[in-house]
Amino acid sequence: MRNRDPVGFDTWLEQAKGSLLASFASGLQRDGDSIRAAFEEIWSTGPVEGQINKLKLIKRRMYGRAKQDLLRQMVLAQ
């Protein structure tokens, strides 16, 4: 993963099929095209995912009290 090597991923996937990770490996194999694209593309959605995670955390903490204006204040305060 760190070297962004799709061939290494395929090798690991074959090795994982015969281990305790077989179920996990089969799930990754089903999403193989998207995983290989993640190795090859230079862009990432990591920063966006982080912002969404932060917003969901704030909403969970405010459960039952979150009106739009209060939620906006909480997001801007952090």
N, C-alpha and C. Protein backbone atom coordinates (compact mmCIF):
# COMPACT_ATOMS: atom_id res chain seq x y z
N MET A 1 0.82 -1.20 0.00
CA MET A 1 0.00 0.00 0.00
C MET A 1 0.86 1.26 0.00
N ARG A 2 1.86 1.28 0.83
CA ARG A 2 2.66 2.50 0.93
C ARG A 2 3.44 2.80 -0.33
N ASN A 3 3.81 1.75 -1.07
CA ASN A 3 4.56 1.94 -2.31
C ASN A 3 3.65 2.14 -3.51
N ARG A 4 2.35 2.05 -3.29
CA ARG A 4 1.35 2.22 -4.36
C ARG A 4 1.64 1.25 -5.51
N ASP A 5 1.82 -0.01 -5.16
CA ASP A 5 2.20 -1.03 -6.12
C ASP A 5 1.03 -2.00 -6.34
N PRO A 6 0.32 -1.88 -7.46
CA PRO A 6 -0.82 -2.78 -7.68
C PRO A 6 -0.40 -4.24 -7.86
N VAL A 7 0.79 -4.49 -8.36
CA VAL A 7 1.27 -5.86 -8.51
C VAL A 7 1.49 -6.49 -7.13
N GLY A 8 2.05 -5.71 -6.22
CA GLY A 8 2.23 -6.18 -4.84
C GLY A 8 0.90 -6.47 -4.17
N PHE A 9 -0.10 -5.70 -4.50
CA PHE A 9 -1.44 -5.93 -3.96
C PHE A 9 -1.98 -7.26 -4.44
N ASP A 10 -1.80 -7.54 -5.73
CA ASP A 10 -2.28 -8.81 -6.28
C ASP A 10 -1.56 -10.00 -5.62
N THR A 11 -0.26 -9.85 -5.40
CA THR A 11 0.51 -10.90 -4.74
C THR A 11 0.01 -11.11 -3.32
N TRP A 12 -0.20 -10.03 -2.61
CA TRP A 12 -0.70 -10.13 -1.23
C TRP A 12 -2.09 -10.78 -1.21
N LEU A 13 -2.92 -10.41 -2.17
CA LEU A 13 -4.27 -10.94 -2.24
C LEU A 13 -4.24 -12.46 -2.42
N GLU A 14 -3.38 -12.96 -3.26
CA GLU A 14 -3.26 -14.40 -3.47
C GLU A 14 -2.77 -15.10 -2.20
N GLN A 15 -1.82 -14.50 -1.51
CA GLN A 15 -1.32 -15.08 -0.27
C GLN A 15 -2.37 -15.07 0.83
N ALA A 16 -3.18 -14.02 0.87
CA ALA A 16 -4.19 -13.88 1.92
C ALA A 16 -5.34 -14.87 1.75
N LYS A 17 -5.55 -15.31 0.53
CA LYS A 17 -6.66 -16.26 0.29
C LYS A 17 -6.47 -17.57 1.05
N GLY A 18 -5.23 -17.95 1.31
CA GLY A 18 -4.98 -19.19 2.02
C GLY A 18 -4.73 -19.01 3.50
N SER A 19 -5.10 -17.87 4.04
CA SER A 19 -4.84 -17.61 5.46
C SER A 19 -6.14 -17.27 6.18
N LEU A 20 -5.99 -16.79 7.40
CA LEU A 20 -7.16 -16.38 8.19
C LEU A 20 -7.85 -15.15 7.60
N LEU A 21 -7.18 -14.48 6.68
CA LEU A 21 -7.73 -13.27 6.05
C LEU A 21 -8.51 -13.58 4.77
N ALA A 22 -8.86 -14.81 4.54
CA ALA A 22 -9.49 -15.21 3.28
C ALA A 22 -10.80 -14.46 3.03
N SER A 23 -11.62 -14.31 4.04
CA SER A 23 -12.89 -13.60 3.88
C SER A 23 -12.65 -12.13 3.55
N PHE A 24 -11.71 -11.52 4.24
CA PHE A 24 -11.36 -10.13 3.98
C PHE A 24 -10.79 -9.98 2.57
N ALA A 25 -9.94 -10.91 2.16
CA ALA A 25 -9.33 -10.87 0.84
C ALA A 25 -10.38 -11.02 -0.26
N SER A 26 -11.37 -11.86 -0.05
CA SER A 26 -12.41 -12.02 -1.08
C SER A 26 -13.23 -10.74 -1.22
N GLY A 27 -13.45 -10.04 -0.13
CA GLY A 27 -14.14 -8.75 -0.21
C GLY A 27 -13.32 -7.72 -0.96
N LEU A 28 -12.01 -7.73 -0.73
CA LEU A 28 -11.14 -6.81 -1.45
C LEU A 28 -11.07 -7.17 -2.93
N GLN A 29 -11.13 -8.44 -3.22
CA GLN A 29 -11.07 -8.87 -4.62
C GLN A 29 -12.31 -8.40 -5.38
N ARG A 30 -13.46 -8.39 -4.73
CA ARG A 30 -14.69 -7.90 -5.38
C ARG A 30 -14.56 -6.42 -5.72
N ASP A 31 -13.84 -5.66 -4.89
CA ASP A 31 -13.63 -4.23 -5.14
C ASP A 31 -12.27 -3.97 -5.79
N GLY A 32 -11.73 -4.96 -6.45
CA GLY A 32 -10.37 -4.88 -6.99
C GLY A 32 -10.14 -3.71 -7.94
N ASP A 33 -11.10 -3.42 -8.82
CA ASP A 33 -10.91 -2.32 -9.77
C ASP A 33 -10.77 -0.98 -9.06
N SER A 34 -11.60 -0.75 -8.06
CA SER A 34 -11.52 0.53 -7.34
C SER A 34 -10.25 0.62 -6.51
N ILE A 35 -9.80 -0.50 -5.97
CA ILE A 35 -8.57 -0.49 -5.17
C ILE A 35 -7.37 -0.23 -6.08
N ARG A 36 -7.34 -0.86 -7.25
CA ARG A 36 -6.24 -0.61 -8.18
C ARG A 36 -6.25 0.84 -8.66
N ALA A 37 -7.43 1.41 -8.86
CA ALA A 37 -7.52 2.82 -9.25
C ALA A 37 -6.97 3.72 -8.15
N ALA A 38 -7.20 3.35 -6.89
CA ALA A 38 -6.68 4.14 -5.78
C ALA A 38 -5.15 4.11 -5.76
N PHE A 39 -4.56 3.01 -6.18
CA PHE A 39 -3.10 2.93 -6.27
C PHE A 39 -2.57 3.86 -7.37
N GLU A 40 -3.30 3.97 -8.46
CA GLU A 40 -2.80 4.67 -9.63
C GLU A 40 -3.13 6.16 -9.65
N GLU A 41 -4.23 6.57 -9.05
CA GLU A 41 -4.63 7.97 -9.07
C GLU A 41 -3.84 8.78 -8.06
N ILE A 42 -3.66 10.06 -8.34
CA ILE A 42 -2.89 10.92 -7.44
C ILE A 42 -3.77 11.65 -6.43
N TRP A 43 -5.07 11.72 -6.68
CA TRP A 43 -5.96 12.47 -5.79
C TRP A 43 -6.54 11.56 -4.72
N SER A 44 -7.00 12.20 -3.63
CA SER A 44 -7.55 11.46 -2.51
C SER A 44 -8.75 12.20 -1.95
N THR A 45 -9.71 11.48 -1.42
CA THR A 45 -10.87 12.10 -0.79
C THR A 45 -10.70 12.17 0.73
N GLY A 46 -9.50 11.90 1.21
CA GLY A 46 -9.23 11.89 2.64
C GLY A 46 -9.63 13.16 3.37
N PRO A 47 -9.25 14.35 2.87
CA PRO A 47 -9.64 15.58 3.57
C PRO A 47 -11.16 15.77 3.65
N VAL A 48 -11.87 15.41 2.60
CA VAL A 48 -13.33 15.54 2.60
C VAL A 48 -13.93 14.57 3.60
N GLU A 49 -13.44 13.34 3.62
CA GLU A 49 -13.94 12.34 4.57
C GLU A 49 -13.71 12.80 6.01
N GLY A 50 -12.58 13.46 6.26
CA GLY A 50 -12.30 13.97 7.59
C GLY A 50 -13.30 15.03 8.02
N GLN A 51 -13.66 15.93 7.11
CA GLN A 51 -14.64 16.96 7.43
C GLN A 51 -16.02 16.37 7.68
N ILE A 52 -16.40 15.37 6.88
CA ILE A 52 -17.69 14.72 7.08
C ILE A 52 -17.72 14.01 8.43
N ASN A 53 -16.64 13.33 8.78
CA ASN A 53 -16.55 12.65 10.06
C ASN A 53 -16.68 13.64 11.22
N LYS A 54 -16.03 14.79 11.10
CA LYS A 54 -16.10 15.82 12.14
C LYS A 54 -17.54 16.34 12.30
N LEU A 55 -18.22 16.58 11.19
CA LEU A 55 -19.59 17.06 11.24
C LEU A 55 -20.52 16.03 11.88
N LYS A 56 -20.34 14.75 11.53
CA LYS A 56 -21.18 13.70 12.12
C LYS A 56 -20.95 13.58 13.63
N LEU A 57 -19.72 13.76 14.06
CA LEU A 57 -19.41 13.71 15.49
C LEU A 57 -20.13 14.84 16.23
N ILE A 58 -20.09 16.03 15.66
CA ILE A 58 -20.77 17.17 16.29
C ILE A 58 -22.28 16.90 16.35
N LYS A 59 -22.85 16.39 15.28
CA LYS A 59 -24.29 16.11 15.26
C LYS A 59 -24.67 15.06 16.29
N ARG A 60 -23.82 14.03 16.47
CA ARG A 60 -24.11 13.00 17.47
C ARG A 60 -24.09 13.58 18.88
N ARG A 61 -23.14 14.46 19.13
CA ARG A 61 -23.05 15.05 20.47
C ARG A 61 -24.25 15.93 20.77
N MET A 62 -24.84 16.50 19.74
CA MET A 62 -25.95 17.44 19.92
C MET A 62 -27.31 16.78 19.68
N TYR A 63 -27.38 15.47 19.73
CA TYR A 63 -28.61 14.77 19.38
C TYR A 63 -29.81 15.35 20.13
N GLY A 64 -30.85 15.70 19.38
CA GLY A 64 -32.08 16.24 19.95
C GLY A 64 -32.08 17.74 20.09
N ARG A 65 -30.92 18.39 19.98
CA ARG A 65 -30.86 19.84 20.14
C ARG A 65 -30.42 20.53 18.86
N ALA A 66 -30.11 19.80 17.83
CA ALA A 66 -29.46 20.36 16.65
C ALA A 66 -30.46 21.04 15.72
N LYS A 67 -30.59 22.31 15.87
CA LYS A 67 -31.26 23.13 14.89
C LYS A 67 -30.18 23.69 13.99
N GLN A 68 -30.54 24.20 12.85
CA GLN A 68 -29.56 24.63 11.86
C GLN A 68 -28.63 25.72 12.39
N ASP A 69 -29.16 26.71 13.10
CA ASP A 69 -28.31 27.81 13.58
C ASP A 69 -27.34 27.34 14.68
N LEU A 70 -27.78 26.47 15.57
CA LEU A 70 -26.90 25.96 16.62
C LEU A 70 -25.82 25.05 16.02
N LEU A 71 -26.20 24.22 15.07
CA LEU A 71 -25.24 23.35 14.41
C LEU A 71 -24.18 24.18 13.69
N ARG A 72 -24.60 25.24 13.04
CA ARG A 72 -23.65 26.11 12.34
C ARG A 72 -22.66 26.72 13.31
N GLN A 73 -23.13 27.17 14.46
CA GLN A 73 -22.24 27.75 15.46
C GLN A 73 -21.23 26.72 15.98
N MET A 74 -21.69 25.50 16.19
CA MET A 74 -20.80 24.47 16.69
C MET A 74 -19.72 24.10 15.66
N VAL A 75 -20.10 24.05 14.40
CA VAL A 75 -19.13 23.71 13.35
C VAL A 75 -18.11 24.83 13.21
N LEU A 76 -18.55 26.06 13.26
CA LEU A 76 -17.62 27.18 13.12
C LEU A 76 -16.74 27.36 14.35
N ALA A 77 -17.20 26.91 15.50
CA ALA A 77 -16.42 27.04 16.75
C ALA A 77 -15.27 26.05 16.79
N GLN A 78 -15.34 25.00 16.00
CA GLN A 78 -14.29 23.97 16.07
C GLN A 78 -13.32 24.14 15.01
